[in-house]
Amino acid sequence: MNQVRSLETVNQGEETPYYVINSVIRTLEIINCLSQLGEASVSDVSNCLKMTKSTIHRFLASMKYAGFLEQNPENQKYRLSIKLFEIGNRVIGRLNISEIAKPIMLELAEKTGETVNLAILDGFEVVYIEKCVSQNCLRMDCDIGGRDPAYCTGLGKAMLAFLPEEELDRHLASEKLQAKTINTITVPQALKAELKTIRENGYAVDKEELIQGINCLAAPIRNNENKVVAAISISAPKVRVNKMVFEANKQLLLEAAQLISRKMGAKV
């Protein structure tokens, strides 16, 4: 058997902190072991981690029950399931998207002269992960890491529109749609109708729904599984957005969102 690198070597020589839960560490050790062995028996993992077979068997059975491991019916050996691959893909997508999007955002900000934001969805809120701020004195500027309600932002609605209906209904059942301005949508059925239009059009509009006097145009960004994982927006004061500017910005935004999605591996 090839030698397996242990997670313990990362903190070798350090005293284990009081808050560390040993069973969690052992579970991660098993994931690390199987990631290197590919497929392994109870004995293989026992030898790898220097733990008893009975203990290892309980860990493996529990991880299989939770969907993180699969068992080969022919030889009874264990291997990592696709569930871990899916989790890893989501992490990679979120880690890389800012780097992929930044140059495209800079170009979009230069062409439009307005602030361009990139955000992800966390529950029923948007989290800003990248921005290119307008050089105009009158402009929109959000903090990276800052949050806003998803239901009253263009970015949020561009992502909510593509949630599974059951997930959206859970959010609407547990979250109150509070008015931020006189234009905020506060009725769940009205929001759902708006999200349907967004799915059909491929973009979302925030018409002074979060901040009076600020309009936002947003489009979803997809990953290599064609799932919506983020959104990009152009935010501008209402006084600078007439019909001609809106149409021009919409085209530029959709092109930018499509380009970022393609670089993320989406088939768009």
C-alpha atoms as a PDB file:
ATOM      1  CA  MET A   1       0.000   0.000   0.000  1.00  0.00           C
ATOM      2  CA  ASN A   2       1.245   3.514  -0.805  1.00  0.00           C
ATOM      3  CA  GLN A   3       2.147   5.635   2.206  1.00  0.00           C
ATOM      4  CA  VAL A   4      -0.682   7.974   3.136  1.00  0.00           C
ATOM      5  CA  ARG A   5       0.029  11.479   4.382  1.00  0.00           C
ATOM      6  CA  SER A   6      -1.802  12.171   7.633  1.00  0.00           C
ATOM      7  CA  LEU A   7      -3.600  15.374   8.504  1.00  0.00           C
ATOM      8  CA  GLU A   8      -1.768  15.292  11.820  1.00  0.00           C
ATOM      9  CA  THR A   9       1.470  16.286  10.094  1.00  0.00           C
ATOM     10  CA  VAL A  10      -0.053  19.731   9.497  1.00  0.00           C
ATOM     11  CA  ASN A  11       0.038  20.528  13.225  1.00  0.00           C
ATOM     12  CA  GLN A  12       2.830  18.165  14.207  1.00  0.00           C
ATOM     13  CA  GLY A  13       4.408  19.073  17.526  1.00  0.00           C
ATOM     14  CA  GLU A  14       1.546  21.326  18.597  1.00  0.00           C
ATOM     15  CA  GLU A  15      -0.557  20.618  21.647  1.00  0.00           C
ATOM     16  CA  THR A  16      -4.134  19.729  20.771  1.00  0.00           C
ATOM     17  CA  PRO A  17      -6.437  22.661  21.660  1.00  0.00           C
ATOM     18  CA  TYR A  18      -9.148  21.954  24.242  1.00  0.00           C
ATOM     19  CA  TYR A  19     -11.951  22.671  21.774  1.00  0.00           C
ATOM     20  CA  VAL A  20     -10.942  20.030  19.225  1.00  0.00           C
ATOM     21  CA  ILE A  21     -13.461  17.193  18.854  1.00  0.00           C
ATOM     22  CA  ASN A  22     -11.510  14.002  18.212  1.00  0.00           C
ATOM     23  CA  SER A  23     -14.309  12.272  16.303  1.00  0.00           C
ATOM     24  CA  VAL A  24     -14.421  15.166  13.821  1.00  0.00           C
ATOM     25  CA  ILE A  25     -10.652  14.951  13.342  1.00  0.00           C
ATOM     26  CA  ARG A  26     -10.887  11.175  12.789  1.00  0.00           C
ATOM     27  CA  THR A  27     -13.665  11.640  10.224  1.00  0.00           C
ATOM     28  CA  LEU A  28     -11.506  14.108   8.319  1.00  0.00           C
ATOM     29  CA  GLU A  29      -8.549  11.705   8.587  1.00  0.00           C
ATOM     30  CA  ILE A  30     -10.667   8.990   6.974  1.00  0.00           C
ATOM     31  CA  ILE A  31     -11.661  11.344   4.128  1.00  0.00           C
ATOM     32  CA  ASN A  32      -8.001  12.233   3.659  1.00  0.00           C
ATOM     33  CA  CYS A  33      -6.986   8.560   3.721  1.00  0.00           C
ATOM     34  CA  LEU A  34      -9.607   7.501   1.151  1.00  0.00           C
ATOM     35  CA  SER A  35      -8.801  10.466  -1.086  1.00  0.00           C
ATOM     36  CA  GLN A  36      -5.295   9.031  -1.437  1.00  0.00           C
ATOM     37  CA  LEU A  37      -6.079   5.315  -1.488  1.00  0.00           C
ATOM     38  CA  GLY A  38      -9.081   5.595  -3.790  1.00  0.00           C
ATOM     39  CA  GLU A  39     -10.826   2.475  -2.490  1.00  0.00           C
ATOM     40  CA  ALA A  40     -10.010   0.729   0.779  1.00  0.00           C
ATOM     41  CA  SER A  41     -11.189  -1.974   3.129  1.00  0.00           C
ATOM     42  CA  VAL A  42     -11.792  -1.600   6.855  1.00  0.00           C
ATOM     43  CA  SER A  43      -8.372  -3.157   7.438  1.00  0.00           C
ATOM     44  CA  ASP A  44      -6.698  -0.725   5.036  1.00  0.00           C
ATOM     45  CA  VAL A  45      -8.143   2.307   6.808  1.00  0.00           C
ATOM     46  CA  SER A  46      -7.412   0.764  10.217  1.00  0.00           C
ATOM     47  CA  ASN A  47      -3.760   0.319   9.287  1.00  0.00           C
ATOM     48  CA  CYS A  48      -3.630   3.786   7.767  1.00  0.00           C
ATOM     49  CA  LEU A  49      -4.921   5.550  10.892  1.00  0.00           C
ATOM     50  CA  LYS A  50      -3.649   3.105  13.535  1.00  0.00           C
ATOM     51  CA  MET A  51      -7.159   2.609  14.927  1.00  0.00           C
ATOM     52  CA  THR A  52      -9.047  -0.590  15.741  1.00  0.00           C
ATOM     53  CA  LYS A  53     -11.105  -2.223  13.018  1.00  0.00           C
ATOM     54  CA  SER A  54     -14.284  -2.042  15.080  1.00  0.00           C
ATOM     55  CA  THR A  55     -13.907   1.720  15.551  1.00  0.00           C
ATOM     56  CA  ILE A  56     -13.083   2.286  11.896  1.00  0.00           C
ATOM     57  CA  HIS A  57     -16.060   0.187  10.840  1.00  0.00           C
ATOM     58  CA  ARG A  58     -18.437   2.382  12.859  1.00  0.00           C
ATOM     59  CA  PHE A  59     -16.952   5.538  11.339  1.00  0.00           C
ATOM     60  CA  LEU A  60     -17.195   4.155   7.803  1.00  0.00           C
ATOM     61  CA  ALA A  61     -20.755   2.907   8.295  1.00  0.00           C
ATOM     62  CA  SER A  62     -21.814   6.302   9.691  1.00  0.00           C
ATOM     63  CA  MET A  63     -20.189   8.191   6.817  1.00  0.00           C
ATOM     64  CA  LYS A  64     -21.846   5.860   4.310  1.00  0.00           C
ATOM     65  CA  TYR A  65     -25.205   6.438   6.019  1.00  0.00           C
ATOM     66  CA  ALA A  66     -24.688  10.212   5.696  1.00  0.00           C
ATOM     67  CA  GLY A  67     -23.946   9.851   1.995  1.00  0.00           C
ATOM     68  CA  PHE A  68     -20.255  10.766   2.085  1.00  0.00           C
ATOM     69  CA  LEU A  69     -19.019   7.251   1.279  1.00  0.00           C
ATOM     70  CA  GLU A  70     -20.028   4.480  -1.102  1.00  0.00           C
ATOM     71  CA  GLN A  71     -19.352   0.762  -0.724  1.00  0.00           C
ATOM     72  CA  ASN A  72     -18.353  -1.513  -3.571  1.00  0.00           C
ATOM     73  CA  PRO A  73     -20.878  -4.385  -3.470  1.00  0.00           C
ATOM     74  CA  GLU A  74     -18.341  -6.825  -4.964  1.00  0.00           C
ATOM     75  CA  ASN A  75     -15.444  -6.418  -2.547  1.00  0.00           C
ATOM     76  CA  GLN A  76     -17.120  -4.382   0.269  1.00  0.00           C
ATOM     77  CA  LYS A  77     -14.416  -1.706   0.049  1.00  0.00           C
ATOM     78  CA  TYR A  78     -15.241   1.943   0.693  1.00  0.00           C
ATOM     79  CA  ARG A  79     -14.658   4.993  -1.473  1.00  0.00           C
ATOM     80  CA  LEU A  80     -15.569   8.689  -1.336  1.00  0.00           C
ATOM     81  CA  SER A  81     -18.969   9.524  -2.817  1.00  0.00           C
ATOM     82  CA  ILE A  82     -19.883  12.113  -5.418  1.00  0.00           C
ATOM     83  CA  LYS A  83     -21.294  14.223  -2.572  1.00  0.00           C
ATOM     84  CA  LEU A  84     -17.791  15.302  -1.571  1.00  0.00           C
ATOM     85  CA  PHE A  85     -17.004  16.120  -5.190  1.00  0.00           C
ATOM     86  CA  GLU A  86     -20.087  18.342  -5.330  1.00  0.00           C
ATOM     87  CA  ILE A  87     -19.095  20.139  -2.128  1.00  0.00           C
ATOM     88  CA  GLY A  88     -15.575  20.629  -3.435  1.00  0.00           C
ATOM     89  CA  ASN A  89     -16.904  22.036  -6.693  1.00  0.00           C
ATOM     90  CA  ARG A  90     -19.020  24.575  -4.842  1.00  0.00           C
ATOM     91  CA  VAL A  91     -16.041  25.690  -2.770  1.00  0.00           C
ATOM     92  CA  ILE A  92     -13.803  25.990  -5.830  1.00  0.00           C
ATOM     93  CA  GLY A  93     -16.461  27.962  -7.660  1.00  0.00           C
ATOM     94  CA  ARG A  94     -16.774  30.497  -4.877  1.00  0.00           C
ATOM     95  CA  LEU A  95     -13.040  30.813  -4.360  1.00  0.00           C
ATOM     96  CA  ASN A  96     -12.251  31.425  -8.029  1.00  0.00           C
ATOM     97  CA  ILE A  97     -15.162  33.509  -9.182  1.00  0.00           C
ATOM     98  CA  SER A  98     -13.791  36.851  -7.929  1.00  0.00           C
ATOM     99  CA  GLU A  99     -10.512  36.294  -9.736  1.00  0.00           C
ATOM    100  CA  ILE A 100     -12.289  35.271 -12.940  1.00  0.00           C
ATOM    101  CA  ALA A 101     -14.803  38.115 -12.792  1.00  0.00           C
ATOM    102  CA  LYS A 102     -12.556  41.021 -11.761  1.00  0.00           C
ATOM    103  CA  PRO A 103     -11.080  41.937 -15.192  1.00  0.00           C
ATOM    104  CA  ILE A 104     -14.499  41.622 -16.823  1.00  0.00           C
ATOM    105  CA  MET A 105     -16.010  43.800 -14.112  1.00  0.00           C
ATOM    106  CA  LEU A 106     -13.322  46.433 -14.610  1.00  0.00           C
ATOM    107  CA  GLU A 107     -14.083  46.578 -18.327  1.00  0.00           C
ATOM    108  CA  LEU A 108     -17.822  46.782 -17.660  1.00  0.00           C
ATOM    109  CA  ALA A 109     -17.315  49.591 -15.132  1.00  0.00           C
ATOM    110  CA  GLU A 110     -15.156  51.485 -17.619  1.00  0.00           C
ATOM    111  CA  LYS A 111     -17.681  51.126 -20.438  1.00  0.00           C
ATOM    112  CA  THR A 112     -20.683  52.150 -18.333  1.00  0.00           C
ATOM    113  CA  GLY A 113     -19.033  54.593 -15.956  1.00  0.00           C
ATOM    114  CA  GLU A 114     -21.015  53.040 -13.112  1.00  0.00           C
ATOM    115  CA  THR A 115     -20.354  50.818 -10.099  1.00  0.00           C
ATOM    116  CA  VAL A 116     -20.223  47.082 -10.831  1.00  0.00           C
ATOM    117  CA  ASN A 117     -20.805  44.572  -8.008  1.00  0.00           C
ATOM    118  CA  LEU A 118     -20.405  40.823  -7.701  1.00  0.00           C
ATOM    119  CA  ALA A 119     -22.326  38.901  -5.041  1.00  0.00           C
ATOM    120  CA  ILE A 120     -23.279  35.433  -3.879  1.00  0.00           C
ATOM    121  CA  LEU A 121     -26.413  34.268  -2.092  1.00  0.00           C
ATOM    122  CA  ASP A 122     -26.247  33.270   1.564  1.00  0.00           C
ATOM    123  CA  GLY A 123     -29.661  32.245   2.779  1.00  0.00           C
ATOM    124  CA  PHE A 124     -31.996  35.149   2.030  1.00  0.00           C
ATOM    125  CA  GLU A 125     -29.179  37.719   1.815  1.00  0.00           C
ATOM    126  CA  VAL A 126     -26.642  38.767  -0.794  1.00  0.00           C
ATOM    127  CA  VAL A 127     -22.977  38.981   0.197  1.00  0.00           C
ATOM    128  CA  TYR A 128     -20.798  41.327  -1.845  1.00  0.00           C
ATOM    129  CA  ILE A 129     -17.541  39.598  -2.817  1.00  0.00           C
ATOM    130  CA  GLU A 130     -16.083  42.002  -5.399  1.00  0.00           C
ATOM    131  CA  LYS A 131     -16.681  45.520  -6.695  1.00  0.00           C
ATOM    132  CA  CYS A 132     -15.468  48.137  -9.154  1.00  0.00           C
ATOM    133  CA  VAL A 133     -16.560  51.561  -7.957  1.00  0.00           C
ATOM    134  CA  SER A 134     -17.647  54.334 -10.320  1.00  0.00           C
ATOM    135  CA  GLN A 135     -15.416  57.408 -10.596  1.00  0.00           C
ATOM    136  CA  ASN A 136     -18.457  59.683 -10.541  1.00  0.00           C
ATOM    137  CA  CYS A 137     -18.985  61.803  -7.431  1.00  0.00           C
ATOM    138  CA  LEU A 138     -22.590  60.572  -7.193  1.00  0.00           C
ATOM    139  CA  ARG A 139     -22.266  56.787  -7.033  1.00  0.00           C
ATOM    140  CA  MET A 140     -23.202  53.544  -5.276  1.00  0.00           C
ATOM    141  CA  ASP A 141     -20.565  51.848  -3.097  1.00  0.00           C
ATOM    142  CA  CYS A 142     -21.003  48.681  -1.030  1.00  0.00           C
ATOM    143  CA  ASP A 143     -18.442  47.124   1.307  1.00  0.00           C
ATOM    144  CA  ILE A 144     -16.941  43.795   0.235  1.00  0.00           C
ATOM    145  CA  GLY A 145     -18.300  41.292   2.738  1.00  0.00           C
ATOM    146  CA  GLY A 146     -21.330  43.493   3.320  1.00  0.00           C
ATOM    147  CA  ARG A 147     -24.849  42.104   3.160  1.00  0.00           C
ATOM    148  CA  ASP A 148     -28.241  43.235   1.923  1.00  0.00           C
ATOM    149  CA  PRO A 149     -31.644  41.522   1.728  1.00  0.00           C
ATOM    150  CA  ALA A 150     -31.930  39.464  -1.443  1.00  0.00           C
ATOM    151  CA  TYR A 151     -35.585  40.252  -2.145  1.00  0.00           C
ATOM    152  CA  CYS A 152     -35.041  43.989  -2.703  1.00  0.00           C
ATOM    153  CA  THR A 153     -31.765  43.979  -4.653  1.00  0.00           C
ATOM    154  CA  GLY A 154     -31.179  43.278  -8.311  1.00  0.00           C
ATOM    155  CA  LEU A 155     -28.348  40.908  -7.404  1.00  0.00           C
ATOM    156  CA  GLY A 156     -30.514  39.005  -4.953  1.00  0.00           C
ATOM    157  CA  LYS A 157     -33.497  38.687  -7.255  1.00  0.00           C
ATOM    158  CA  ALA A 158     -31.226  37.502 -10.095  1.00  0.00           C
ATOM    159  CA  MET A 159     -30.241  34.562  -7.873  1.00  0.00           C
ATOM    160  CA  LEU A 160     -33.523  33.946  -6.060  1.00  0.00           C
ATOM    161  CA  ALA A 161     -35.214  33.526  -9.440  1.00  0.00           C
ATOM    162  CA  PHE A 162     -33.279  30.319 -10.037  1.00  0.00           C
ATOM    163  CA  LEU A 163     -33.689  28.696  -6.628  1.00  0.00           C
ATOM    164  CA  PRO A 164     -35.732  25.474  -6.430  1.00  0.00           C
ATOM    165  CA  GLU A 165     -39.327  26.443  -5.666  1.00  0.00           C
ATOM    166  CA  GLU A 166     -39.330  24.512  -2.375  1.00  0.00           C
ATOM    167  CA  GLU A 167     -36.259  26.402  -1.148  1.00  0.00           C
ATOM    168  CA  LEU A 168     -37.725  29.754  -2.161  1.00  0.00           C
ATOM    169  CA  ASP A 169     -40.997  28.930  -0.389  1.00  0.00           C
ATOM    170  CA  ARG A 170     -39.098  28.076   2.812  1.00  0.00           C
ATOM    171  CA  HIS A 171     -37.401  31.479   2.737  1.00  0.00           C
ATOM    172  CA  LEU A 172     -40.671  33.294   2.096  1.00  0.00           C
ATOM    173  CA  ALA A 173     -42.364  31.409   4.918  1.00  0.00           C
ATOM    174  CA  SER A 174     -39.672  32.326   7.454  1.00  0.00           C
ATOM    175  CA  GLU A 175     -38.610  35.807   6.316  1.00  0.00           C
ATOM    176  CA  LYS A 176     -40.709  38.966   6.367  1.00  0.00           C
ATOM    177  CA  LEU A 177     -40.407  41.175   3.281  1.00  0.00           C
ATOM    178  CA  GLN A 178     -39.845  44.476   5.021  1.00  0.00           C
ATOM    179  CA  ALA A 179     -40.181  47.697   3.066  1.00  0.00           C
ATOM    180  CA  LYS A 180     -36.886  49.516   2.574  1.00  0.00           C
ATOM    181  CA  THR A 181     -38.426  52.152   0.298  1.00  0.00           C
ATOM    182  CA  ILE A 182     -41.886  52.803  -1.122  1.00  0.00           C
ATOM    183  CA  ASN A 183     -40.896  50.618  -4.103  1.00  0.00           C
ATOM    184  CA  THR A 184     -39.900  47.489  -2.145  1.00  0.00           C
ATOM    185  CA  ILE A 185     -41.890  44.372  -3.011  1.00  0.00           C
ATOM    186  CA  THR A 186     -43.406  43.197   0.273  1.00  0.00           C
ATOM    187  CA  VAL A 187     -45.978  40.626  -0.905  1.00  0.00           C
ATOM    188  CA  PRO A 188     -44.587  37.090  -1.458  1.00  0.00           C
ATOM    189  CA  GLN A 189     -46.820  36.354  -4.464  1.00  0.00           C
ATOM    190  CA  ALA A 190     -45.781  39.611  -6.112  1.00  0.00           C
ATOM    191  CA  LEU A 191     -42.129  38.712  -5.565  1.00  0.00           C
ATOM    192  CA  LYS A 192     -42.662  35.262  -7.058  1.00  0.00           C
ATOM    193  CA  ALA A 193     -44.276  36.865 -10.123  1.00  0.00           C
ATOM    194  CA  GLU A 194     -41.289  39.187 -10.430  1.00  0.00           C
ATOM    195  CA  LEU A 195     -38.884  36.236 -10.188  1.00  0.00           C
ATOM    196  CA  LYS A 196     -40.778  34.438 -12.958  1.00  0.00           C
ATOM    197  CA  THR A 197     -40.262  37.469 -15.212  1.00  0.00           C
ATOM    198  CA  ILE A 198     -36.559  37.493 -14.300  1.00  0.00           C
ATOM    199  CA  ARG A 199     -36.204  33.841 -15.331  1.00  0.00           C
ATOM    200  CA  GLU A 200     -37.850  34.632 -18.659  1.00  0.00           C
ATOM    201  CA  ASN A 201     -35.798  37.770 -19.337  1.00  0.00           C
ATOM    202  CA  GLY A 202     -32.461  36.581 -17.955  1.00  0.00           C
ATOM    203  CA  TYR A 203     -31.872  39.720 -15.893  1.00  0.00           C
ATOM    204  CA  ALA A 204     -33.236  41.512 -12.821  1.00  0.00           C
ATOM    205  CA  VAL A 205     -33.991  45.154 -12.113  1.00  0.00           C
ATOM    206  CA  ASP A 206     -34.024  46.934  -8.762  1.00  0.00           C
ATOM    207  CA  LYS A 207     -36.076  50.108  -9.224  1.00  0.00           C
ATOM    208  CA  GLU A 208     -35.191  52.001  -6.061  1.00  0.00           C
ATOM    209  CA  GLU A 209     -36.286  49.015  -3.977  1.00  0.00           C
ATOM    210  CA  LEU A 210     -33.367  49.095  -1.539  1.00  0.00           C
ATOM    211  CA  ILE A 211     -32.213  52.725  -1.694  1.00  0.00           C
ATOM    212  CA  GLN A 212     -34.295  55.635  -2.923  1.00  0.00           C
ATOM    213  CA  GLY A 213     -32.757  57.131  -6.045  1.00  0.00           C
ATOM    214  CA  ILE A 214     -30.565  54.103  -6.914  1.00  0.00           C
ATOM    215  CA  ASN A 215     -31.374  51.695  -9.745  1.00  0.00           C
ATOM    216  CA  CYS A 216     -29.683  48.356 -10.250  1.00  0.00           C
ATOM    217  CA  LEU A 217     -29.512  45.991 -13.202  1.00  0.00           C
ATOM    218  CA  ALA A 218     -28.282  42.445 -12.470  1.00  0.00           C
ATOM    219  CA  ALA A 219     -27.703  39.129 -14.226  1.00  0.00           C
ATOM    220  CA  PRO A 220     -26.979  35.628 -12.908  1.00  0.00           C
ATOM    221  CA  ILE A 221     -23.652  33.833 -13.258  1.00  0.00           C
ATOM    222  CA  ARG A 222     -23.546  30.067 -13.757  1.00  0.00           C
ATOM    223  CA  ASN A 223     -20.899  27.441 -13.008  1.00  0.00           C
ATOM    224  CA  ASN A 224     -19.753  24.320 -14.852  1.00  0.00           C
ATOM    225  CA  GLU A 225     -22.990  22.572 -13.843  1.00  0.00           C
ATOM    226  CA  ASN A 226     -24.995  25.490 -15.263  1.00  0.00           C
ATOM    227  CA  LYS A 227     -26.196  26.326 -11.743  1.00  0.00           C
ATOM    228  CA  VAL A 228     -26.555  29.954 -10.708  1.00  0.00           C
ATOM    229  CA  VAL A 229     -23.797  30.601  -8.157  1.00  0.00           C
ATOM    230  CA  ALA A 230     -23.461  34.393  -8.202  1.00  0.00           C
ATOM    231  CA  ALA A 231     -24.707  37.552  -9.877  1.00  0.00           C
ATOM    232  CA  ILE A 232     -23.178  40.694 -11.349  1.00  0.00           C
ATOM    233  CA  SER A 233     -24.795  44.110 -11.341  1.00  0.00           C
ATOM    234  CA  ILE A 234     -24.546  47.697 -12.518  1.00  0.00           C
ATOM    235  CA  SER A 235     -25.712  50.219  -9.907  1.00  0.00           C
ATOM    236  CA  ALA A 236     -26.376  53.836 -10.808  1.00  0.00           C
ATOM    237  CA  PRO A 237     -28.277  56.892  -9.627  1.00  0.00           C
ATOM    238  CA  LYS A 238     -31.703  57.061 -11.232  1.00  0.00           C
ATOM    239  CA  VAL A 239     -30.911  60.490 -12.722  1.00  0.00           C
ATOM    240  CA  ARG A 240     -28.236  58.960 -14.993  1.00  0.00           C
ATOM    241  CA  VAL A 241     -30.362  56.108 -16.349  1.00  0.00           C
ATOM    242  CA  ASN A 242     -32.721  56.872 -19.224  1.00  0.00           C
ATOM    243  CA  LYS A 243     -34.192  54.283 -21.580  1.00  0.00           C
ATOM    244  CA  MET A 244     -31.282  54.414 -24.010  1.00  0.00           C
ATOM    245  CA  VAL A 245     -28.697  54.044 -21.219  1.00  0.00           C
ATOM    246  CA  PHE A 246     -30.701  51.190 -19.674  1.00  0.00           C
ATOM    247  CA  GLU A 247     -30.767  49.217 -22.929  1.00  0.00           C
ATOM    248  CA  ALA A 248     -27.067  49.793 -23.581  1.00  0.00           C
ATOM    249  CA  ASN A 249     -26.107  48.790 -20.031  1.00  0.00           C
ATOM    250  CA  LYS A 250     -28.362  45.736 -20.155  1.00  0.00           C
ATOM    251  CA  GLN A 251     -26.613  44.433 -23.260  1.00  0.00           C
ATOM    252  CA  LEU A 252     -23.166  45.022 -21.766  1.00  0.00           C
ATOM    253  CA  LEU A 253     -24.197  43.376 -18.492  1.00  0.00           C
ATOM    254  CA  LEU A 254     -25.607  40.271 -20.163  1.00  0.00           C
ATOM    255  CA  GLU A 255     -22.445  39.905 -22.246  1.00  0.00           C
ATOM    256  CA  ALA A 256     -20.291  40.225 -19.124  1.00  0.00           C
ATOM    257  CA  ALA A 257     -22.374  37.685 -17.179  1.00  0.00           C
ATOM    258  CA  GLN A 258     -22.207  35.263 -20.085  1.00  0.00           C
ATOM    259  CA  LEU A 259     -18.430  35.658 -20.394  1.00  0.00           C
ATOM    260  CA  ILE A 260     -17.860  35.056 -16.677  1.00  0.00           C
ATOM    261  CA  SER A 261     -20.179  32.035 -16.797  1.00  0.00           C
ATOM    262  CA  ARG A 262     -18.257  30.575 -19.731  1.00  0.00           C
ATOM    263  CA  LYS A 263     -14.991  31.047 -17.873  1.00  0.00           C
ATOM    264  CA  MET A 264     -16.610  29.205 -14.950  1.00  0.00           C
ATOM    265  CA  GLY A 265     -17.316  26.297 -17.295  1.00  0.00           C
ATOM    266  CA  ALA A 266     -20.988  26.960 -18.018  1.00  0.00           C
ATOM    267  CA  LYS A 267     -22.519  26.015 -21.353  1.00  0.00           C
ATOM    268  CA  VAL A 268     -24.132  29.344 -22.211  1.00  0.00           C
END
